Amino acid sequence: GDADGVVVVPRRRVTEVVAAVDGIAEKEDALRG
């Protein structure tokens, strides 16, 4: 959760979601650069 809301990640999808978030973070870092 953050100031915008809360998300529930089902236990069986945690690894998949973490990988997706890492990919988004890498793209954002490259764009910021």
Full PDB file with SEQRES, HELIX, SHEET, SSBOND, CRYST1, ORIGX, SCALE, CONECT and MASTER records, all heavy atoms in Angstrom:
SEQRES   1 A   33  GLY ASP ALA ASP GLY VAL VAL VAL VAL PRO ARG ARG ARG          
SEQRES   2 A   33  VAL THR GLU VAL VAL ALA ALA VAL ASP GLY ILE ALA GLU          
SEQRES   3 A   33  LYS GLU ASP ALA LEU ARG GLY                                  
HELIX    1 AA1 ARG A   11  ARG A   13  5                                   3    
HELIX    2 AA2 VAL A   14  ARG A   32  1                                  19    
CRYST1    1.000    1.000    1.000  90.00  90.00  90.00 P 1           1          
ORIGX1      1.000000  0.000000  0.000000        0.00000                         
ORIGX2      0.000000  1.000000  0.000000        0.00000                         
ORIGX3      0.000000  0.000000  1.000000        0.00000                         
SCALE1      1.000000  0.000000  0.000000        0.00000                         
SCALE2      0.000000  1.000000  0.000000        0.00000                         
SCALE3      0.000000  0.000000  1.000000        0.00000                         
ATOM      1  N   GLY A   1       0.807  -1.204   0.000  1.00  0.00           N  
ATOM      2  CA  GLY A   1       0.000   0.000   0.000  1.00  0.00           C  
ATOM      3  C   GLY A   1       0.840   1.254   0.000  1.00  0.00           C  
ATOM      4  O   GLY A   1       1.992   1.260   0.427  1.00  0.00           O  
ATOM      5  N   ASP A   2       0.248   2.313  -0.513  1.00  0.00           N  
ATOM      6  CA  ASP A   2       0.840   3.645  -0.445  1.00  0.00           C  
ATOM      7  C   ASP A   2      -0.302   4.647  -0.337  1.00  0.00           C  
ATOM      8  O   ASP A   2      -1.448   4.260  -0.099  1.00  0.00           O  
ATOM      9  CB  ASP A   2       1.763   3.922  -1.632  1.00  0.00           C  
ATOM     10  CG  ASP A   2       1.054   3.958  -2.976  1.00  0.00           C  
ATOM     11  OD1 ASP A   2      -0.194   3.958  -3.013  1.00  0.00           O  
ATOM     12  OD2 ASP A   2       1.741   4.015  -4.005  1.00  0.00           O  
ATOM     13  N   ALA A   3      -0.009   5.911  -0.529  1.00  0.00           N  
ATOM     14  CA  ALA A   3      -1.023   6.952  -0.388  1.00  0.00           C  
ATOM     15  C   ALA A   3      -2.148   6.811  -1.410  1.00  0.00           C  
ATOM     16  O   ALA A   3      -3.248   7.322  -1.205  1.00  0.00           O  
ATOM     17  CB  ALA A   3      -0.379   8.327  -0.502  1.00  0.00           C  
ATOM     18  N   ASP A   4      -1.886   6.114  -2.508  1.00  0.00           N  
ATOM     19  CA  ASP A   4      -2.891   5.961  -3.566  1.00  0.00           C  
ATOM     20  C   ASP A   4      -3.805   4.762  -3.367  1.00  0.00           C  
ATOM     21  O   ASP A   4      -4.836   4.658  -4.012  1.00  0.00           O  
ATOM     22  CB  ASP A   4      -2.213   5.847  -4.934  1.00  0.00           C  
ATOM     23  CG  ASP A   4      -1.512   7.137  -5.321  1.00  0.00           C  
ATOM     24  OD1 ASP A   4      -2.055   8.213  -5.022  1.00  0.00           O  
ATOM     25  OD2 ASP A   4      -0.421   7.065  -5.911  1.00  0.00           O  
ATOM     26  N   GLY A   5      -3.413   3.814  -2.540  1.00  0.00           N  
ATOM     27  CA  GLY A   5      -4.265   2.643  -2.328  1.00  0.00           C  
ATOM     28  C   GLY A   5      -3.480   1.419  -1.932  1.00  0.00           C  
ATOM     29  O   GLY A   5      -2.305   1.491  -1.592  1.00  0.00           O  
ATOM     30  N   VAL A   6      -4.159   0.282  -2.008  1.00  0.00           N  
ATOM     31  CA  VAL A   6      -3.591  -1.003  -1.595  1.00  0.00           C  
ATOM     32  C   VAL A   6      -3.836  -2.024  -2.697  1.00  0.00           C  
ATOM     33  O   VAL A   6      -4.886  -2.016  -3.335  1.00  0.00           O  
ATOM     34  CB  VAL A   6      -4.255  -1.497  -0.283  1.00  0.00           C  
ATOM     35  CG1 VAL A   6      -3.723  -2.860   0.122  1.00  0.00           C  
ATOM     36  CG2 VAL A   6      -4.056  -0.488   0.837  1.00  0.00           C  
ATOM     37  N   VAL A   7      -2.848  -2.880  -2.924  1.00  0.00           N  
ATOM     38  CA  VAL A   7      -3.000  -3.966  -3.886  1.00  0.00           C  
ATOM     39  C   VAL A   7      -2.742  -5.277  -3.154  1.00  0.00           C  
ATOM     40  O   VAL A   7      -1.905  -5.345  -2.260  1.00  0.00           O  
ATOM     41  CB  VAL A   7      -2.050  -3.802  -5.096  1.00  0.00           C  
ATOM     42  CG1 VAL A   7      -0.599  -3.890  -4.678  1.00  0.00           C  
ATOM     43  CG2 VAL A   7      -2.343  -4.821  -6.169  1.00  0.00           C  
ATOM     44  N   VAL A   8      -3.502  -6.298  -3.534  1.00  0.00           N  
ATOM     45  CA  VAL A   8      -3.329  -7.631  -2.969  1.00  0.00           C  
ATOM     46  C   VAL A   8      -2.702  -8.508  -4.046  1.00  0.00           C  
ATOM     47  O   VAL A   8      -3.239  -8.630  -5.144  1.00  0.00           O  
ATOM     48  CB  VAL A   8      -4.679  -8.241  -2.528  1.00  0.00           C  
ATOM     49  CG1 VAL A   8      -4.468  -9.647  -1.974  1.00  0.00           C  
ATOM     50  CG2 VAL A   8      -5.367  -7.351  -1.510  1.00  0.00           C  
ATOM     51  N   VAL A   9      -1.549  -9.098  -3.722  1.00  0.00           N  
ATOM     52  CA  VAL A   9      -0.878 -10.007  -4.651  1.00  0.00           C  
ATOM     53  C   VAL A   9      -1.069 -11.416  -4.107  1.00  0.00           C  
ATOM     54  O   VAL A   9      -0.555 -11.738  -3.035  1.00  0.00           O  
ATOM     55  CB  VAL A   9       0.623  -9.682  -4.778  1.00  0.00           C  
ATOM     56  CG1 VAL A   9       1.292 -10.637  -5.766  1.00  0.00           C  
ATOM     57  CG2 VAL A   9       0.835  -8.236  -5.191  1.00  0.00           C  
ATOM     58  N   PRO A  10      -1.805 -12.259  -4.831  1.00  0.00           N  
ATOM     59  CA  PRO A  10      -1.980 -13.634  -4.360  1.00  0.00           C  
ATOM     60  C   PRO A  10      -0.623 -14.336  -4.228  1.00  0.00           C  
ATOM     61  O   PRO A  10       0.277 -14.140  -5.045  1.00  0.00           O  
ATOM     62  CB  PRO A  10      -2.816 -14.291  -5.461  1.00  0.00           C  
ATOM     63  CG  PRO A  10      -3.491 -13.152  -6.162  1.00  0.00           C  
ATOM     64  CD  PRO A  10      -2.520 -12.002  -6.079  1.00  0.00           C  
ATOM     65  N   ARG A  11      -0.491 -15.140  -3.206  1.00  0.00           N  
ATOM     66  CA  ARG A  11       0.767 -15.823  -2.913  1.00  0.00           C  
ATOM     67  C   ARG A  11       1.337 -16.542  -4.142  1.00  0.00           C  
ATOM     68  O   ARG A  11       2.532 -16.490  -4.404  1.00  0.00           O  
ATOM     69  CB  ARG A  11       0.527 -16.825  -1.788  1.00  0.00           C  
ATOM     70  CG  ARG A  11       1.729 -17.626  -1.422  1.00  0.00           C  
ATOM     71  CD  ARG A  11       1.383 -18.640  -0.360  1.00  0.00           C  
ATOM     72  NE  ARG A  11       2.477 -18.689   0.578  1.00  0.00           N  
ATOM     73  CZ  ARG A  11       2.405 -19.179   1.773  1.00  0.00           C  
ATOM     74  NH1 ARG A  11       1.272 -19.653   2.228  1.00  0.00           N  
ATOM     75  NH2 ARG A  11       3.453 -19.215   2.560  1.00  0.00           N  
ATOM     76  N   ARG A  12       0.488 -17.185  -4.915  1.00  0.00           N  
ATOM     77  CA  ARG A  12       0.958 -17.966  -6.062  1.00  0.00           C  
ATOM     78  C   ARG A  12       1.520 -17.092  -7.183  1.00  0.00           C  
ATOM     79  O   ARG A  12       2.165 -17.602  -8.098  1.00  0.00           O  
ATOM     80  CB  ARG A  12      -0.169 -18.855  -6.595  1.00  0.00           C  
ATOM     81  CG  ARG A  12      -1.290 -18.092  -7.269  1.00  0.00           C  
ATOM     82  CD  ARG A  12      -2.440 -19.000  -7.706  1.00  0.00           C  
ATOM     83  NE  ARG A  12      -3.419 -18.283  -8.473  1.00  0.00           N  
ATOM     84  CZ  ARG A  12      -4.291 -17.397  -7.998  1.00  0.00           C  
ATOM     85  NH1 ARG A  12      -4.305 -17.121  -6.709  1.00  0.00           N  
ATOM     86  NH2 ARG A  12      -5.140 -16.791  -8.793  1.00  0.00           N  
ATOM     87  N   ARG A  13       1.280 -15.767  -7.136  1.00  0.00           N  
ATOM     88  CA  ARG A  13       1.745 -14.875  -8.208  1.00  0.00           C  
ATOM     89  C   ARG A  13       2.837 -13.912  -7.768  1.00  0.00           C  
ATOM     90  O   ARG A  13       3.253 -13.065  -8.554  1.00  0.00           O  
ATOM     91  CB  ARG A  13       0.559 -14.088  -8.753  1.00  0.00           C  
ATOM     92  CG  ARG A  13      -0.476 -15.002  -9.416  1.00  0.00           C  
ATOM     93  CD  ARG A  13      -1.483 -14.243 -10.219  1.00  0.00           C  
ATOM     94  NE  ARG A  13      -0.823 -13.489 -11.261  1.00  0.00           N  
ATOM     95  CZ  ARG A  13      -1.390 -12.447 -11.876  1.00  0.00           C  
ATOM     96  NH1 ARG A  13      -2.593 -12.061 -11.552  1.00  0.00           N  
ATOM     97  NH2 ARG A  13      -0.734 -11.791 -12.815  1.00  0.00           N  
ATOM     98  N   VAL A  14       3.338 -14.038  -6.545  1.00  0.00           N  
ATOM     99  CA  VAL A  14       4.316 -13.081  -6.030  1.00  0.00           C  
ATOM    100  C   VAL A  14       5.558 -13.012  -6.911  1.00  0.00           C  
ATOM    101  O   VAL A  14       6.015 -11.935  -7.282  1.00  0.00           O  
ATOM    102  CB  VAL A  14       4.687 -13.397  -4.559  1.00  0.00           C  
ATOM    103  CG1 VAL A  14       5.891 -12.587  -4.107  1.00  0.00           C  
ATOM    104  CG2 VAL A  14       3.496 -13.129  -3.654  1.00  0.00           C  
ATOM    105  N   THR A  15       6.128 -14.160  -7.273  1.00  0.00           N  
ATOM    106  CA  THR A  15       7.346 -14.175  -8.094  1.00  0.00           C  
ATOM    107  C   THR A  15       7.104 -13.498  -9.436  1.00  0.00           C  
ATOM    108  O   THR A  15       7.926 -12.688  -9.891  1.00  0.00           O  
ATOM    109  CB  THR A  15       7.825 -15.628  -8.308  1.00  0.00           C  
ATOM    110  OG1 THR A  15       8.046 -16.218  -7.026  1.00  0.00           O  
ATOM    111  CG2 THR A  15       9.100 -15.678  -9.108  1.00  0.00           C  
ATOM    112  N   GLU A  16       5.986 -13.797 -10.066  1.00  0.00           N  
ATOM    113  CA  GLU A  16       5.633 -13.193 -11.356  1.00  0.00           C  
ATOM    114  C   GLU A  16       5.485 -11.674 -11.233  1.00  0.00           C  
ATOM    115  O   GLU A  16       5.993 -10.915 -12.068  1.00  0.00           O  
ATOM    116  CB  GLU A  16       4.313 -13.810 -11.829  1.00  0.00           C  
ATOM    117  CG  GLU A  16       3.672 -13.144 -13.004  1.00  0.00           C  
ATOM    118  CD  GLU A  16       2.241 -13.638 -13.227  1.00  0.00           C  
ATOM    119  OE1 GLU A  16       1.796 -14.613 -12.583  1.00  0.00           O  
ATOM    120  OE2 GLU A  16       1.573 -13.021 -14.061  1.00  0.00           O  
ATOM    121  N   VAL A  17       4.818 -11.221 -10.189  1.00  0.00           N  
ATOM    122  CA  VAL A  17       4.590  -9.782 -10.010  1.00  0.00           C  
ATOM    123  C   VAL A  17       5.895  -9.060  -9.704  1.00  0.00           C  
ATOM    124  O   VAL A  17       6.156  -7.979 -10.237  1.00  0.00           O  
ATOM    125  CB  VAL A  17       3.529  -9.532  -8.921  1.00  0.00           C  
ATOM    126  CG1 VAL A  17       3.434  -8.062  -8.562  1.00  0.00           C  
ATOM    127  CG2 VAL A  17       2.170 -10.057  -9.378  1.00  0.00           C  
ATOM    128  N   VAL A  18       6.748  -9.644  -8.873  1.00  0.00           N  
ATOM    129  CA  VAL A  18       8.043  -9.034  -8.568  1.00  0.00           C  
ATOM    130  C   VAL A  18       8.870  -8.883  -9.841  1.00  0.00           C  
ATOM    131  O   VAL A  18       9.483  -7.836 -10.080  1.00  0.00           O  
ATOM    132  CB  VAL A  18       8.804  -9.835  -7.489  1.00  0.00           C  
ATOM    133  CG1 VAL A  18      10.257  -9.377  -7.385  1.00  0.00           C  
ATOM    134  CG2 VAL A  18       8.108  -9.708  -6.151  1.00  0.00           C  
ATOM    135  N   ALA A  19       8.880  -9.895 -10.688  1.00  0.00           N  
ATOM    136  CA  ALA A  19       9.627  -9.820 -11.947  1.00  0.00           C  
ATOM    137  C   ALA A  19       9.073  -8.715 -12.836  1.00  0.00           C  
ATOM    138  O   ALA A  19       9.835  -7.950 -13.455  1.00  0.00           O  
ATOM    139  CB  ALA A  19       9.580 -11.157 -12.675  1.00  0.00           C  
ATOM    140  N   ALA A  20       7.764  -8.582 -12.903  1.00  0.00           N  
ATOM    141  CA  ALA A  20       7.142  -7.533 -13.720  1.00  0.00           C  
ATOM    142  C   ALA A  20       7.484  -6.147 -13.174  1.00  0.00           C  
ATOM    143  O   ALA A  20       7.811  -5.232 -13.935  1.00  0.00           O  
ATOM    144  CB  ALA A  20       5.633  -7.730 -13.778  1.00  0.00           C  
ATOM    145  N   VAL A  21       7.436  -5.999 -11.864  1.00  0.00           N  
ATOM    146  CA  VAL A  21       7.755  -4.699 -11.253  1.00  0.00           C  
ATOM    147  C   VAL A  21       9.218  -4.358 -11.481  1.00  0.00           C  
ATOM    148  O   VAL A  21       9.554  -3.207 -11.769  1.00  0.00           O  
ATOM    149  CB  VAL A  21       7.412  -4.723  -9.745  1.00  0.00           C  
ATOM    150  CG1 VAL A  21       7.976  -3.508  -9.026  1.00  0.00           C  
ATOM    151  CG2 VAL A  21       5.907  -4.792  -9.557  1.00  0.00           C  
ATOM    152  N   ASP A  22      10.104  -5.334 -11.372  1.00  0.00           N  
ATOM    153  CA  ASP A  22      11.525  -5.090 -11.639  1.00  0.00           C  
ATOM    154  C   ASP A  22      11.731  -4.613 -13.074  1.00  0.00           C  
ATOM    155  O   ASP A  22      12.514  -3.699 -13.327  1.00  0.00           O  
ATOM    156  CB  ASP A  22      12.356  -6.349 -11.377  1.00  0.00           C  
ATOM    157  CG  ASP A  22      12.534  -6.640  -9.896  1.00  0.00           C  
ATOM    158  OD1 ASP A  22      12.259  -5.746  -9.062  1.00  0.00           O  
ATOM    159  OD2 ASP A  22      12.947  -7.769  -9.569  1.00  0.00           O  
ATOM    160  N   GLY A  23      11.023  -5.219 -14.025  1.00  0.00           N  
ATOM    161  CA  GLY A  23      11.126  -4.802 -15.420  1.00  0.00           C  
ATOM    162  C   GLY A  23      10.648  -3.371 -15.623  1.00  0.00           C  
ATOM    163  O   GLY A  23      11.269  -2.591 -16.358  1.00  0.00           O  
ATOM    164  N   ILE A  24       9.561  -3.005 -14.963  1.00  0.00           N  
ATOM    165  CA  ILE A  24       9.058  -1.634 -15.060  1.00  0.00           C  
ATOM    166  C   ILE A  24      10.062  -0.658 -14.457  1.00  0.00           C  
ATOM    167  O   ILE A  24      10.337   0.404 -15.027  1.00  0.00           O  
ATOM    168  CB  ILE A  24       7.685  -1.522 -14.355  1.00  0.00           C  
ATOM    169  CG1 ILE A  24       6.640  -2.306 -15.137  1.00  0.00           C  
ATOM    170  CG2 ILE A  24       7.269  -0.064 -14.204  1.00  0.00           C  
ATOM    171  CD1 ILE A  24       5.329  -2.500 -14.399  1.00  0.00           C  
ATOM    172  N   ALA A  25      10.642  -1.014 -13.316  1.00  0.00           N  
ATOM    173  CA  ALA A  25      11.624  -0.144 -12.662  1.00  0.00           C  
ATOM    174  C   ALA A  25      12.842   0.073 -13.560  1.00  0.00           C  
ATOM    175  O   ALA A  25      13.364   1.191 -13.652  1.00  0.00           O  
ATOM    176  CB  ALA A  25      12.040  -0.729 -11.317  1.00  0.00           C  
ATOM    177  N   GLU A  26      13.294  -0.973 -14.243  1.00  0.00           N  
ATOM    178  CA  GLU A  26      14.436  -0.836 -15.157  1.00  0.00           C  
ATOM    179  C   GLU A  26      14.113   0.112 -16.301  1.00  0.00           C  
ATOM    180  O   GLU A  26      14.929   0.956 -16.671  1.00  0.00           O  
ATOM    181  CB  GLU A  26      14.838  -2.206 -15.700  1.00  0.00           C  
ATOM    182  CG  GLU A  26      15.489  -3.104 -14.670  1.00  0.00           C  
ATOM    183  CD  GLU A  26      15.722  -4.514 -15.175  1.00  0.00           C  
ATOM    184  OE1 GLU A  26      15.473  -4.796 -16.370  1.00  0.00           O  
ATOM    185  OE2 GLU A  26      16.141  -5.362 -14.362  1.00  0.00           O  
ATOM    186  N   LYS A  27      12.916  -0.017 -16.873  1.00  0.00           N  
ATOM    187  CA  LYS A  27      12.511   0.884 -17.957  1.00  0.00           C  
ATOM    188  C   LYS A  27      12.424   2.325 -17.479  1.00  0.00           C  
ATOM    189  O   LYS A  27      12.846   3.254 -18.177  1.00  0.00           O  
ATOM    190  CB  LYS A  27      11.166   0.446 -18.537  1.00  0.00           C  
ATOM    191  CG  LYS A  27      11.228  -0.828 -19.339  1.00  0.00           C  
ATOM    192  CD  LYS A  27       9.858  -1.234 -19.839  1.00  0.00           C  
ATOM    193  CE  LYS A  27       9.901  -2.559 -20.569  1.00  0.00           C  
ATOM    194  NZ  LYS A  27       8.582  -2.984 -21.027  1.00  0.00           N  
ATOM    195  N   GLU A  28      11.888   2.528 -16.273  1.00  0.00           N  
ATOM    196  CA  GLU A  28      11.777   3.880 -15.727  1.00  0.00           C  
ATOM    197  C   GLU A  28      13.157   4.467 -15.449  1.00  0.00           C  
ATOM    198  O   GLU A  28      13.389   5.652 -15.700  1.00  0.00           O  
ATOM    199  CB  GLU A  28      10.932   3.882 -14.462  1.00  0.00           C  
ATOM    200  CG  GLU A  28       9.463   3.657 -14.735  1.00  0.00           C  
ATOM    201  CD  GLU A  28       8.617   3.610 -13.473  1.00  0.00           C  
ATOM    202  OE1 GLU A  28       9.181   3.564 -12.351  1.00  0.00           O  
ATOM    203  OE2 GLU A  28       7.383   3.623 -13.620  1.00  0.00           O  
ATOM    204  N   ASP A  29      14.083   3.661 -14.945  1.00  0.00           N  
ATOM    205  CA  ASP A  29      15.443   4.131 -14.701  1.00  0.00           C  
ATOM    206  C   ASP A  29      16.124   4.539 -16.002  1.00  0.00           C  
ATOM    207  O   ASP A  29      16.806   5.569 -16.067  1.00  0.00           O  
ATOM    208  CB  ASP A  29      16.274   3.059 -13.997  1.00  0.00           C  
ATOM    209  CG  ASP A  29      15.889   2.870 -12.537  1.00  0.00           C  
ATOM    210  OD1 ASP A  29      15.196   3.760 -11.976  1.00  0.00           O  
ATOM    211  OD2 ASP A  29      16.268   1.833 -11.959  1.00  0.00           O  
ATOM    212  N   ALA A  30      15.941   3.741 -17.049  1.00  0.00           N  
ATOM    213  CA  ALA A  30      16.535   4.074 -18.347  1.00  0.00           C  
ATOM    214  C   ALA A  30      15.944   5.373 -18.895  1.00  0.00           C  
ATOM    215  O   ALA A  30      16.672   6.240 -19.408  1.00  0.00           O  
ATOM    216  CB  ALA A  30      16.316   2.930 -19.340  1.00  0.00           C  
ATOM    217  N   LEU A  31      14.647   5.531 -18.786  1.00  0.00           N  
ATOM    218  CA  LEU A  31      13.995   6.758 -19.256  1.00  0.00           C  
ATOM    219  C   LEU A  31      14.485   7.957 -18.466  1.00  0.00           C  
ATOM    220  O   LEU A  31      14.791   9.009 -19.029  1.00  0.00           O  
ATOM    221  CB  LEU A  31      12.475   6.624 -19.143  1.00  0.00           C  
ATOM    222  CG  LEU A  31      11.660   7.844 -19.527  1.00  0.00           C  
ATOM    223  CD1 LEU A  31      11.924   8.248 -20.969  1.00  0.00           C  
ATOM    224  CD2 LEU A  31      10.176   7.581 -19.309  1.00  0.00           C  
ATOM    225  N   ARG A  32      14.577   7.803 -17.147  1.00  0.00           N  
ATOM    226  CA  ARG A  32      15.070   8.884 -16.299  1.00  0.00           C  
ATOM    227  C   ARG A  32      16.487   9.282 -16.712  1.00  0.00           C  
ATOM    228  O   ARG A  32      16.822  10.467 -16.777  1.00  0.00           O  
ATOM    229  CB  ARG A  32      15.037   8.450 -14.835  1.00  0.00           C  
ATOM    230  CG  ARG A  32      15.304   9.545 -13.853  1.00  0.00           C  
ATOM    231  CD  ARG A  32      15.126   9.073 -12.396  1.00  0.00           C  
ATOM    232  NE  ARG A  32      13.745   8.678 -12.133  1.00  0.00           N  
ATOM    233  CZ  ARG A  32      13.331   7.419 -11.964  1.00  0.00           C  
ATOM    234  NH1 ARG A  32      14.189   6.418 -12.013  1.00  0.00           N  
ATOM    235  NH2 ARG A  32      12.064   7.146 -11.722  1.00  0.00           N  
ATOM    236  N   GLY A  33      17.321   8.301 -17.009  1.00  0.00           N  
ATOM    237  CA  GLY A  33      18.691   8.578 -17.456  1.00  0.00           C  
ATOM    238  C   GLY A  33      18.714   9.351 -18.761  1.00  0.00           C  
ATOM    239  O   GLY A  33      19.501  10.292 -18.923  1.00  0.00           O  
TER     240      GLY A  33                                                      
MASTER        0    0    0    2    0    0    0    6  239    1    0    3          
END                                                                             
